[in-house]
Amino acid sequence: MDRQRLRSALRAAGVADGHYRIEGVHEPAPTPPDFLYLRRTPDGAWETGAYERGRYEVIARHPDEAAACTHLLALLT
C-alpha cells in the first residue's frame, strides 16, 4: 500500500479528515490540535506517530512506505 491508497482506504472506512496527516497526500488546514501522522524521516525511513499539544511523538519507525501505511491504517480503523 502507498500513501495515496492509504488515503483512499481511510476515506472508505469513514475516518474523519482531521484525525490524520499523511505527508504529501493529506495535510489538513487548519492544523488540528491532535492527530495521527505518517511521514518520511531525513534518513529515508518512515514513521507513524501522534501529534498532541504541539509535539510529535513517534509510535513506530518503518523501513518502507508500505509498512508505515499498513500501521497507520491499523491505528485508525
N, C-alpha and C. Protein backbone atom coordinates (compact mmCIF):
# COMPACT_ATOMS: atom_id res chain seq x y z
N MET A 1 0.86 -1.18 0.00
CA MET A 1 0.00 0.00 0.00
C MET A 1 0.90 1.23 0.00
N ASP A 2 0.53 2.24 -0.77
CA ASP A 2 1.25 3.51 -0.75
C ASP A 2 0.36 4.58 -0.10
N ARG A 3 0.87 5.79 0.00
CA ARG A 3 0.14 6.85 0.71
C ARG A 3 -1.18 7.22 0.05
N GLN A 4 -1.23 7.21 -1.28
CA GLN A 4 -2.47 7.54 -1.96
C GLN A 4 -3.54 6.47 -1.70
N ARG A 5 -3.14 5.22 -1.73
CA ARG A 5 -4.09 4.14 -1.44
C ARG A 5 -4.53 4.17 0.02
N LEU A 6 -3.61 4.52 0.90
CA LEU A 6 -3.96 4.66 2.32
C LEU A 6 -5.03 5.73 2.48
N ARG A 7 -4.85 6.85 1.84
CA ARG A 7 -5.84 7.93 1.92
C ARG A 7 -7.21 7.45 1.44
N SER A 8 -7.24 6.73 0.34
CA SER A 8 -8.49 6.19 -0.18
C SER A 8 -9.12 5.20 0.80
N ALA A 9 -8.31 4.35 1.39
CA ALA A 9 -8.82 3.36 2.35
C ALA A 9 -9.39 4.04 3.59
N LEU A 10 -8.75 5.08 4.06
CA LEU A 10 -9.24 5.80 5.23
C LEU A 10 -10.56 6.51 4.93
N ARG A 11 -10.66 7.08 3.76
CA ARG A 11 -11.93 7.73 3.37
C ARG A 11 -13.04 6.70 3.26
N ALA A 12 -12.74 5.55 2.65
CA ALA A 12 -13.73 4.49 2.50
C ALA A 12 -14.19 3.96 3.86
N ALA A 13 -13.28 3.96 4.83
CA ALA A 13 -13.60 3.49 6.18
C ALA A 13 -14.33 4.54 7.00
N GLY A 14 -14.47 5.76 6.46
CA GLY A 14 -15.18 6.82 7.16
C GLY A 14 -14.38 7.53 8.24
N VAL A 15 -13.05 7.43 8.18
CA VAL A 15 -12.21 8.12 9.16
C VAL A 15 -12.22 9.62 8.85
N ALA A 16 -12.52 10.42 9.83
CA ALA A 16 -12.60 11.88 9.65
C ALA A 16 -11.26 12.46 9.22
N ASP A 17 -11.30 13.42 8.31
CA ASP A 17 -10.09 14.05 7.77
C ASP A 17 -9.18 14.64 8.85
N GLY A 18 -9.75 15.16 9.91
CA GLY A 18 -8.95 15.80 10.95
C GLY A 18 -8.25 14.84 11.89
N HIS A 19 -8.45 13.54 11.71
CA HIS A 19 -7.83 12.57 12.63
C HIS A 19 -6.45 12.13 12.20
N TYR A 20 -6.01 12.54 10.99
CA TYR A 20 -4.72 12.07 10.50
C TYR A 20 -4.09 13.05 9.52
N ARG A 21 -2.78 12.88 9.35
CA ARG A 21 -2.00 13.65 8.38
C ARG A 21 -1.08 12.67 7.67
N ILE A 22 -1.09 12.70 6.35
CA ILE A 22 -0.21 11.86 5.55
C ILE A 22 0.67 12.79 4.73
N GLU A 23 1.93 12.82 5.04
CA GLU A 23 2.85 13.75 4.39
C GLU A 23 2.74 13.68 2.87
N GLY A 24 2.52 14.84 2.26
CA GLY A 24 2.46 14.95 0.81
C GLY A 24 1.16 14.51 0.17
N VAL A 25 0.24 13.98 0.96
CA VAL A 25 -1.01 13.47 0.41
C VAL A 25 -2.23 14.10 1.08
N HIS A 26 -2.21 14.15 2.39
CA HIS A 26 -3.34 14.73 3.13
C HIS A 26 -2.78 15.52 4.31
N GLU A 27 -2.82 16.84 4.18
CA GLU A 27 -2.32 17.73 5.22
C GLU A 27 -3.42 18.74 5.54
N PRO A 28 -4.30 18.39 6.50
CA PRO A 28 -5.46 19.24 6.77
C PRO A 28 -5.08 20.65 7.21
N ALA A 29 -5.88 21.62 6.75
CA ALA A 29 -5.67 23.01 7.14
C ALA A 29 -7.02 23.58 7.54
N PRO A 30 -7.10 24.25 8.64
CA PRO A 30 -6.01 24.49 9.59
C PRO A 30 -5.60 23.19 10.29
N THR A 31 -4.40 23.21 10.83
CA THR A 31 -3.87 22.02 11.51
C THR A 31 -4.71 21.71 12.74
N PRO A 32 -5.22 20.47 12.84
CA PRO A 32 -5.99 20.09 14.03
C PRO A 32 -5.10 20.09 15.28
N PRO A 33 -5.68 20.17 16.46
CA PRO A 33 -4.88 20.20 17.69
C PRO A 33 -4.20 18.86 17.99
N ASP A 34 -4.78 17.77 17.50
CA ASP A 34 -4.13 16.47 17.68
C ASP A 34 -4.56 15.54 16.55
N PHE A 35 -3.65 14.65 16.13
CA PHE A 35 -3.91 13.74 15.03
C PHE A 35 -2.81 12.69 14.99
N LEU A 36 -3.07 11.61 14.26
CA LEU A 36 -2.04 10.61 13.97
C LEU A 36 -1.40 10.98 12.65
N TYR A 37 -0.15 10.62 12.46
CA TYR A 37 0.55 11.03 11.24
C TYR A 37 1.43 9.93 10.67
N LEU A 38 1.77 10.12 9.40
CA LEU A 38 2.74 9.30 8.69
C LEU A 38 3.66 10.27 7.97
N ARG A 39 4.96 10.09 8.14
CA ARG A 39 5.90 10.98 7.45
C ARG A 39 7.22 10.27 7.22
N ARG A 40 7.97 10.78 6.25
CA ARG A 40 9.30 10.27 5.93
C ARG A 40 10.31 11.01 6.80
N THR A 41 11.30 10.28 7.27
CA THR A 41 12.33 10.90 8.11
C THR A 41 13.52 11.32 7.25
N PRO A 42 14.37 12.19 7.76
CA PRO A 42 15.52 12.64 6.97
C PRO A 42 16.46 11.50 6.54
N ASP A 43 16.49 10.41 7.30
CA ASP A 43 17.36 9.29 6.93
C ASP A 43 16.70 8.30 5.96
N GLY A 44 15.49 8.61 5.48
CA GLY A 44 14.83 7.79 4.48
C GLY A 44 13.88 6.75 5.03
N ALA A 45 13.79 6.61 6.34
CA ALA A 45 12.83 5.69 6.95
C ALA A 45 11.46 6.37 6.98
N TRP A 46 10.48 5.67 7.49
CA TRP A 46 9.13 6.21 7.65
C TRP A 46 8.73 6.07 9.10
N GLU A 47 7.92 6.99 9.57
CA GLU A 47 7.43 6.88 10.93
C GLU A 47 5.95 7.20 11.02
N THR A 48 5.32 6.55 11.98
CA THR A 48 3.95 6.85 12.34
C THR A 48 3.98 7.35 13.77
N GLY A 49 3.05 8.24 14.07
CA GLY A 49 3.05 8.78 15.42
C GLY A 49 1.81 9.61 15.70
N ALA A 50 1.88 10.30 16.81
CA ALA A 50 0.77 11.15 17.25
C ALA A 50 1.29 12.56 17.48
N TYR A 51 0.49 13.53 17.06
CA TYR A 51 0.77 14.94 17.30
C TYR A 51 -0.23 15.39 18.36
N GLU A 52 0.28 15.84 19.50
CA GLU A 52 -0.57 16.31 20.58
C GLU A 52 0.10 17.48 21.28
N ARG A 53 -0.69 18.50 21.57
CA ARG A 53 -0.20 19.65 22.33
C ARG A 53 1.08 20.24 21.74
N GLY A 54 1.14 20.30 20.42
CA GLY A 54 2.27 20.91 19.74
C GLY A 54 3.52 20.06 19.66
N ARG A 55 3.41 18.77 19.97
CA ARG A 55 4.58 17.89 19.95
C ARG A 55 4.30 16.64 19.12
N TYR A 56 5.30 16.23 18.34
CA TYR A 56 5.23 14.99 17.60
C TYR A 56 5.82 13.87 18.46
N GLU A 57 5.09 12.79 18.62
CA GLU A 57 5.55 11.62 19.38
C GLU A 57 5.57 10.42 18.44
N VAL A 58 6.73 9.86 18.21
CA VAL A 58 6.86 8.72 17.33
C VAL A 58 6.30 7.47 18.02
N ILE A 59 5.43 6.77 17.32
CA ILE A 59 4.91 5.49 17.81
C ILE A 59 5.78 4.36 17.27
N ALA A 60 6.12 4.43 15.96
CA ALA A 60 6.93 3.38 15.35
C ALA A 60 7.69 3.92 14.15
N ARG A 61 8.86 3.31 13.90
CA ARG A 61 9.64 3.58 12.69
C ARG A 61 9.49 2.38 11.77
N HIS A 62 9.48 2.65 10.46
CA HIS A 62 9.25 1.60 9.48
C HIS A 62 10.31 1.68 8.38
N PRO A 63 10.71 0.53 7.83
CA PRO A 63 11.74 0.53 6.78
C PRO A 63 11.24 1.03 5.43
N ASP A 64 9.91 0.98 5.22
CA ASP A 64 9.39 1.40 3.92
C ASP A 64 7.99 2.00 4.06
N GLU A 65 7.56 2.63 2.98
CA GLU A 65 6.27 3.30 2.95
C GLU A 65 5.11 2.33 3.17
N ALA A 66 5.18 1.15 2.58
CA ALA A 66 4.09 0.18 2.70
C ALA A 66 3.86 -0.22 4.15
N ALA A 67 4.92 -0.48 4.88
CA ALA A 67 4.78 -0.88 6.29
C ALA A 67 4.20 0.26 7.11
N ALA A 68 4.63 1.47 6.84
CA ALA A 68 4.11 2.63 7.58
C ALA A 68 2.63 2.84 7.28
N CYS A 69 2.24 2.69 6.02
CA CYS A 69 0.83 2.86 5.64
C CYS A 69 -0.04 1.81 6.31
N THR A 70 0.43 0.58 6.32
CA THR A 70 -0.32 -0.50 6.96
C THR A 70 -0.50 -0.23 8.44
N HIS A 71 0.54 0.28 9.08
CA HIS A 71 0.46 0.58 10.51
C HIS A 71 -0.53 1.72 10.79
N LEU A 72 -0.47 2.80 10.02
CA LEU A 72 -1.39 3.91 10.25
C LEU A 72 -2.84 3.47 10.01
N LEU A 73 -3.06 2.67 9.00
CA LEU A 73 -4.41 2.16 8.73
C LEU A 73 -4.91 1.36 9.94
N ALA A 74 -4.06 0.53 10.51
CA ALA A 74 -4.45 -0.26 11.68
C ALA A 74 -4.74 0.63 12.88
N LEU A 75 -3.97 1.69 13.04
CA LEU A 75 -4.19 2.60 14.17
C LEU A 75 -5.53 3.35 14.06
N LEU A 76 -5.94 3.64 12.84
CA LEU A 76 -7.13 4.47 12.63
C LEU A 76 -8.42 3.70 12.38
N THR A 77 -8.33 2.40 12.15
CA THR A 77 -9.54 1.64 11.87
C THR A 77 -9.74 0.51 12.86
